[in-house]
Amino acid sequence: MIGIVVVSHSSKVAEGICDMVKQISSRDGAEMPIYPAGGNAQGGLGTDPQKVLDAIKLADQGEGVVVLADLGSGVISSQAAIAMLEEPLRSRVKIADAPILEGAVGAGVEAAADGEST
């Protein structure tokens, strides 16, 4: 399953989006691999490449990770985190050009549906 990382300047926003996606996309008791990376290293507003890096490693299930960020510096922190990764994981991580909430819900539903027969 593809993992998801939600990068927000607010830890509460990132955690809330992850919680919402888990509830919407849960199926057969499988836990959605979605992780928040919100706030700066001191716990305030901002983003932290190390938090993003840690969340990417947690989200990786071997099929790739999509990262969604709320603002420009969240994208910059995500790019910095990806640059710190070693291959082959680095090549399996992509930053989505999508609205953070809608993009996360869409990615979660698609990831949960992946592998279901139609």
N, C-alpha and C. Protein backbone atom coordinates (compact mmCIF):
# COMPACT_ATOMS: atom_id res chain seq x y z
N MET A 1 0.85 -1.18 0.00
CA MET A 1 0.00 0.00 0.00
C MET A 1 0.89 1.24 0.00
N ILE A 2 0.48 2.23 -0.72
CA ILE A 2 1.21 3.49 -0.76
C ILE A 2 0.97 4.24 0.54
N GLY A 3 2.04 4.76 1.12
CA GLY A 3 1.95 5.53 2.35
C GLY A 3 1.70 7.00 2.04
N ILE A 4 1.21 7.70 3.05
CA ILE A 4 0.89 9.13 2.90
C ILE A 4 1.48 9.88 4.07
N VAL A 5 2.06 11.06 3.78
CA VAL A 5 2.56 11.96 4.81
C VAL A 5 1.87 13.30 4.63
N VAL A 6 1.33 13.83 5.71
CA VAL A 6 0.65 15.12 5.69
C VAL A 6 1.54 16.13 6.42
N VAL A 7 2.02 17.13 5.67
CA VAL A 7 2.90 18.16 6.21
C VAL A 7 2.10 19.45 6.37
N SER A 8 2.01 19.91 7.61
CA SER A 8 1.30 21.15 7.88
C SER A 8 2.10 21.99 8.87
N HIS A 9 1.88 23.28 8.81
CA HIS A 9 2.52 24.17 9.78
C HIS A 9 1.95 23.97 11.19
N SER A 10 0.81 23.34 11.27
CA SER A 10 0.15 23.07 12.54
C SER A 10 0.12 21.56 12.80
N SER A 11 0.63 21.15 13.94
CA SER A 11 0.58 19.72 14.27
C SER A 11 -0.86 19.24 14.39
N LYS A 12 -1.74 20.07 14.91
CA LYS A 12 -3.14 19.69 15.06
C LYS A 12 -3.81 19.49 13.71
N VAL A 13 -3.50 20.34 12.75
CA VAL A 13 -4.07 20.20 11.41
C VAL A 13 -3.59 18.89 10.78
N ALA A 14 -2.29 18.62 10.84
CA ALA A 14 -1.74 17.39 10.25
C ALA A 14 -2.35 16.15 10.91
N GLU A 15 -2.46 16.16 12.23
CA GLU A 15 -3.03 15.02 12.95
C GLU A 15 -4.51 14.85 12.61
N GLY A 16 -5.24 15.96 12.51
CA GLY A 16 -6.67 15.89 12.20
C GLY A 16 -6.93 15.34 10.81
N ILE A 17 -6.14 15.78 9.84
CA ILE A 17 -6.30 15.26 8.48
C ILE A 17 -6.00 13.77 8.45
N CYS A 18 -4.94 13.35 9.13
CA CYS A 18 -4.61 11.92 9.16
C CYS A 18 -5.73 11.12 9.79
N ASP A 19 -6.29 11.61 10.87
CA ASP A 19 -7.40 10.92 11.53
C ASP A 19 -8.61 10.81 10.60
N MET A 20 -8.92 11.88 9.90
CA MET A 20 -10.07 11.88 8.98
C MET A 20 -9.85 10.87 7.85
N VAL A 21 -8.67 10.88 7.27
CA VAL A 21 -8.38 9.95 6.17
C VAL A 21 -8.44 8.51 6.64
N LYS A 22 -7.92 8.23 7.82
CA LYS A 22 -7.98 6.86 8.36
C LYS A 22 -9.43 6.40 8.50
N GLN A 23 -10.29 7.28 8.99
CA GLN A 23 -11.69 6.90 9.17
C GLN A 23 -12.40 6.71 7.83
N ILE A 24 -12.13 7.56 6.87
CA ILE A 24 -12.79 7.48 5.57
C ILE A 24 -12.32 6.27 4.77
N SER A 25 -11.03 5.97 4.85
CA SER A 25 -10.47 4.96 3.95
C SER A 25 -10.27 3.59 4.58
N SER A 26 -10.68 3.41 5.83
CA SER A 26 -10.45 2.11 6.46
C SER A 26 -11.32 1.04 5.81
N ARG A 27 -10.71 -0.12 5.65
CA ARG A 27 -11.44 -1.27 5.11
C ARG A 27 -10.83 -2.54 5.68
N ASP A 28 -11.64 -3.48 5.98
CA ASP A 28 -11.19 -4.78 6.48
C ASP A 28 -10.24 -4.67 7.66
N GLY A 29 -10.37 -3.61 8.45
CA GLY A 29 -9.52 -3.44 9.62
C GLY A 29 -8.08 -3.09 9.32
N ALA A 30 -7.76 -2.89 8.03
CA ALA A 30 -6.39 -2.54 7.65
C ALA A 30 -6.11 -1.10 8.04
N GLU A 31 -4.98 -0.86 8.64
CA GLU A 31 -4.58 0.47 9.07
C GLU A 31 -3.94 1.22 7.91
N MET A 32 -4.46 2.39 7.59
CA MET A 32 -3.91 3.21 6.53
C MET A 32 -2.55 3.75 6.98
N PRO A 33 -1.51 3.58 6.16
CA PRO A 33 -0.20 4.11 6.53
C PRO A 33 -0.10 5.61 6.22
N ILE A 34 -0.72 6.42 7.07
CA ILE A 34 -0.71 7.87 6.91
C ILE A 34 -0.18 8.48 8.20
N TYR A 35 0.76 9.40 8.05
CA TYR A 35 1.44 9.96 9.21
C TYR A 35 1.54 11.47 9.11
N PRO A 36 1.32 12.15 10.25
CA PRO A 36 1.43 13.61 10.27
C PRO A 36 2.87 14.06 10.47
N ALA A 37 3.19 15.19 9.88
CA ALA A 37 4.47 15.86 10.11
C ALA A 37 4.13 17.34 10.25
N GLY A 38 3.66 17.70 11.41
CA GLY A 38 3.19 19.06 11.61
C GLY A 38 3.96 19.81 12.67
N GLY A 39 4.08 21.11 12.47
CA GLY A 39 4.74 21.97 13.43
C GLY A 39 6.25 21.94 13.31
N ASN A 40 6.89 22.87 14.01
CA ASN A 40 8.35 22.92 13.98
C ASN A 40 8.95 22.08 15.11
N ALA A 41 10.25 22.04 15.19
CA ALA A 41 10.95 21.21 16.17
C ALA A 41 10.64 21.62 17.60
N GLN A 42 10.28 22.88 17.81
CA GLN A 42 9.97 23.37 19.15
C GLN A 42 8.50 23.21 19.52
N GLY A 43 7.70 22.66 18.60
CA GLY A 43 6.29 22.44 18.87
C GLY A 43 5.38 23.58 18.46
N GLY A 44 5.94 24.63 17.86
CA GLY A 44 5.13 25.75 17.40
C GLY A 44 4.76 25.61 15.94
N LEU A 45 4.23 26.70 15.38
CA LEU A 45 3.88 26.70 13.97
C LEU A 45 5.14 26.68 13.12
N GLY A 46 5.08 25.93 12.05
CA GLY A 46 6.22 25.83 11.14
C GLY A 46 6.33 24.41 10.64
N THR A 47 7.38 24.14 9.90
CA THR A 47 7.63 22.79 9.41
C THR A 47 9.07 22.41 9.72
N ASP A 48 9.31 21.12 9.79
CA ASP A 48 10.62 20.60 10.17
C ASP A 48 10.98 19.43 9.26
N PRO A 49 12.05 19.57 8.46
CA PRO A 49 12.44 18.47 7.57
C PRO A 49 12.66 17.14 8.30
N GLN A 50 13.15 17.18 9.53
CA GLN A 50 13.38 15.93 10.26
C GLN A 50 12.05 15.23 10.58
N LYS A 51 11.03 16.00 10.93
CA LYS A 51 9.71 15.40 11.17
C LYS A 51 9.16 14.77 9.89
N VAL A 52 9.38 15.45 8.78
CA VAL A 52 8.91 14.92 7.49
C VAL A 52 9.67 13.64 7.16
N LEU A 53 10.98 13.66 7.35
CA LEU A 53 11.81 12.48 7.09
C LEU A 53 11.35 11.29 7.92
N ASP A 54 11.13 11.51 9.20
CA ASP A 54 10.67 10.44 10.09
C ASP A 54 9.32 9.89 9.66
N ALA A 55 8.41 10.79 9.27
CA ALA A 55 7.08 10.36 8.83
C ALA A 55 7.15 9.56 7.53
N ILE A 56 8.02 9.97 6.62
CA ILE A 56 8.18 9.23 5.36
C ILE A 56 8.64 7.80 5.65
N LYS A 57 9.60 7.66 6.53
CA LYS A 57 10.11 6.33 6.86
C LYS A 57 9.03 5.45 7.49
N LEU A 58 8.19 6.05 8.32
CA LEU A 58 7.09 5.30 8.93
C LEU A 58 6.04 4.92 7.89
N ALA A 59 5.76 5.82 6.96
CA ALA A 59 4.71 5.59 5.97
C ALA A 59 5.11 4.59 4.90
N ASP A 60 6.39 4.41 4.67
CA ASP A 60 6.85 3.55 3.58
C ASP A 60 6.50 2.09 3.86
N GLN A 61 5.72 1.53 2.95
CA GLN A 61 5.35 0.12 3.01
C GLN A 61 5.98 -0.64 1.85
N GLY A 62 6.89 0.02 1.12
CA GLY A 62 7.57 -0.61 0.01
C GLY A 62 7.02 -0.24 -1.36
N GLU A 63 5.86 0.43 -1.39
CA GLU A 63 5.25 0.78 -2.67
C GLU A 63 5.32 2.27 -2.99
N GLY A 64 5.88 3.04 -2.08
CA GLY A 64 6.01 4.47 -2.30
C GLY A 64 5.27 5.28 -1.27
N VAL A 65 5.57 6.56 -1.27
CA VAL A 65 4.96 7.49 -0.32
C VAL A 65 4.61 8.76 -1.07
N VAL A 66 3.41 9.27 -0.83
CA VAL A 66 2.99 10.56 -1.36
C VAL A 66 2.97 11.54 -0.19
N VAL A 67 3.54 12.72 -0.43
CA VAL A 67 3.62 13.77 0.58
C VAL A 67 2.72 14.91 0.14
N LEU A 68 1.89 15.39 1.07
CA LEU A 68 1.02 16.53 0.81
C LEU A 68 1.38 17.63 1.81
N ALA A 69 1.56 18.85 1.31
CA ALA A 69 1.96 19.96 2.18
C ALA A 69 0.98 21.12 2.05
N ASP A 70 0.85 21.88 3.14
CA ASP A 70 -0.14 22.95 3.16
C ASP A 70 0.33 24.27 2.55
N LEU A 71 1.59 24.62 2.69
CA LEU A 71 2.09 25.90 2.19
C LEU A 71 3.48 25.72 1.60
N GLY A 72 3.97 26.75 0.95
CA GLY A 72 5.26 26.69 0.26
C GLY A 72 6.42 26.19 1.09
N SER A 73 6.56 26.67 2.32
CA SER A 73 7.70 26.21 3.12
C SER A 73 7.52 24.76 3.57
N GLY A 74 6.29 24.28 3.58
CA GLY A 74 6.07 22.86 3.84
C GLY A 74 6.60 22.02 2.69
N VAL A 75 6.45 22.54 1.48
CA VAL A 75 7.00 21.86 0.30
C VAL A 75 8.53 21.89 0.38
N ILE A 76 9.10 23.03 0.76
CA ILE A 76 10.56 23.14 0.88
C ILE A 76 11.09 22.16 1.93
N SER A 77 10.42 22.06 3.08
CA SER A 77 10.83 21.10 4.11
C SER A 77 10.71 19.67 3.60
N SER A 78 9.67 19.40 2.82
CA SER A 78 9.48 18.06 2.25
C SER A 78 10.58 17.74 1.24
N GLN A 79 10.94 18.72 0.41
CA GLN A 79 12.03 18.51 -0.54
C GLN A 79 13.34 18.24 0.18
N ALA A 80 13.59 18.96 1.27
CA ALA A 80 14.82 18.75 2.05
C ALA A 80 14.83 17.36 2.66
N ALA A 81 13.69 16.91 3.16
CA ALA A 81 13.60 15.57 3.76
C ALA A 81 13.85 14.50 2.70
N ILE A 82 13.26 14.66 1.54
CA ILE A 82 13.44 13.68 0.46
C ILE A 82 14.91 13.62 0.05
N ALA A 83 15.57 14.77 0.01
CA ALA A 83 16.99 14.81 -0.35
C ALA A 83 17.85 14.05 0.65
N MET A 84 17.39 13.93 1.90
CA MET A 84 18.14 13.20 2.93
C MET A 84 17.95 11.69 2.85
N LEU A 85 16.96 11.24 2.10
CA LEU A 85 16.69 9.81 1.98
C LEU A 85 17.72 9.13 1.09
N GLU A 86 17.94 7.87 1.36
CA GLU A 86 18.80 7.07 0.49
C GLU A 86 17.93 6.32 -0.51
N GLU A 87 18.53 5.97 -1.62
CA GLU A 87 17.85 5.13 -2.61
C GLU A 87 17.73 3.72 -2.05
N PRO A 88 16.73 2.97 -2.37
CA PRO A 88 15.71 3.25 -3.38
C PRO A 88 14.51 4.03 -2.86
N LEU A 89 14.45 4.28 -1.54
CA LEU A 89 13.28 4.97 -1.00
C LEU A 89 13.11 6.36 -1.63
N ARG A 90 14.19 7.09 -1.80
CA ARG A 90 14.09 8.45 -2.34
C ARG A 90 13.30 8.48 -3.65
N SER A 91 13.52 7.54 -4.52
CA SER A 91 12.85 7.54 -5.83
C SER A 91 11.38 7.12 -5.74
N ARG A 92 10.96 6.59 -4.58
CA ARG A 92 9.56 6.18 -4.40
C ARG A 92 8.72 7.23 -3.67
N VAL A 93 9.31 8.39 -3.37
CA VAL A 93 8.59 9.44 -2.64
C VAL A 93 8.31 10.61 -3.58
N LYS A 94 7.06 11.01 -3.62
CA LYS A 94 6.64 12.12 -4.49
C LYS A 94 5.83 13.12 -3.69
N ILE A 95 6.03 14.39 -4.00
CA ILE A 95 5.22 15.45 -3.41
C ILE A 95 4.05 15.70 -4.36
N ALA A 96 2.85 15.59 -3.83
CA ALA A 96 1.65 15.80 -4.66
C ALA A 96 1.36 17.28 -4.79
N ASP A 97 1.00 17.69 -5.98
CA ASP A 97 0.56 19.06 -6.24
C ASP A 97 -0.96 19.04 -6.11
N ALA A 98 -1.41 19.04 -4.85
CA ALA A 98 -2.85 18.91 -4.58
C ALA A 98 -3.19 19.64 -3.29
N PRO A 99 -4.43 20.06 -3.14
CA PRO A 99 -4.86 20.65 -1.86
C PRO A 99 -4.65 19.62 -0.75
N ILE A 100 -4.22 20.06 0.40
CA ILE A 100 -3.80 19.12 1.45
C ILE A 100 -4.93 18.22 1.93
N LEU A 101 -6.10 18.76 2.23
CA LEU A 101 -7.19 17.92 2.73
C LEU A 101 -7.79 17.06 1.63
N GLU A 102 -8.19 17.68 0.55
CA GLU A 102 -8.81 16.93 -0.54
C GLU A 102 -7.83 15.92 -1.13
N GLY A 103 -6.57 16.33 -1.25
CA GLY A 103 -5.55 15.44 -1.79
C GLY A 103 -5.31 14.24 -0.89
N ALA A 104 -5.29 14.47 0.42
CA ALA A 104 -5.07 13.38 1.36
C ALA A 104 -6.24 12.40 1.35
N VAL A 105 -7.46 12.92 1.31
CA VAL A 105 -8.64 12.04 1.25
C VAL A 105 -8.61 11.23 -0.05
N GLY A 106 -8.35 11.88 -1.16
CA GLY A 106 -8.29 11.18 -2.44
C GLY A 106 -7.20 10.12 -2.45
N ALA A 107 -6.02 10.47 -1.94
CA ALA A 107 -4.92 9.50 -1.90
C ALA A 107 -5.26 8.33 -0.99
N GLY A 108 -5.90 8.60 0.14
CA GLY A 108 -6.27 7.54 1.07
C GLY A 108 -7.28 6.58 0.49
N VAL A 109 -8.29 7.13 -0.17
CA VAL A 109 -9.32 6.29 -0.78
C VAL A 109 -8.71 5.44 -1.90
N GLU A 110 -7.86 6.05 -2.72
CA GLU A 110 -7.21 5.31 -3.80
C GLU A 110 -6.29 4.22 -3.26
N ALA A 111 -5.51 4.54 -2.22
CA ALA A 111 -4.60 3.55 -1.64
C ALA A 111 -5.38 2.40 -1.03
N ALA A 112 -6.49 2.71 -0.36
CA ALA A 112 -7.30 1.65 0.24
C ALA A 112 -7.97 0.78 -0.81
N ALA A 113 -8.34 1.39 -1.92
CA ALA A 113 -9.02 0.66 -2.99
C ALA A 113 -8.04 -0.15 -3.84
N ASP A 114 -6.77 0.20 -3.80
CA ASP A 114 -5.75 -0.50 -4.60
C ASP A 114 -5.74 -1.97 -4.21
N GLY A 115 -5.88 -2.81 -5.18
CA GLY A 115 -5.88 -4.24 -4.91
C GLY A 115 -7.27 -4.84 -4.77
N GLU A 116 -8.28 -4.00 -4.61
CA GLU A 116 -9.65 -4.51 -4.57
C GLU A 116 -10.07 -4.87 -5.98
N SER A 117 -10.77 -5.95 -6.13
CA SER A 117 -11.28 -6.31 -7.47
C SER A 117 -12.49 -5.47 -7.79
N THR A 118 -12.60 -5.08 -9.06
CA THR A 118 -13.74 -4.26 -9.47
C THR A 118 -14.65 -5.03 -10.37
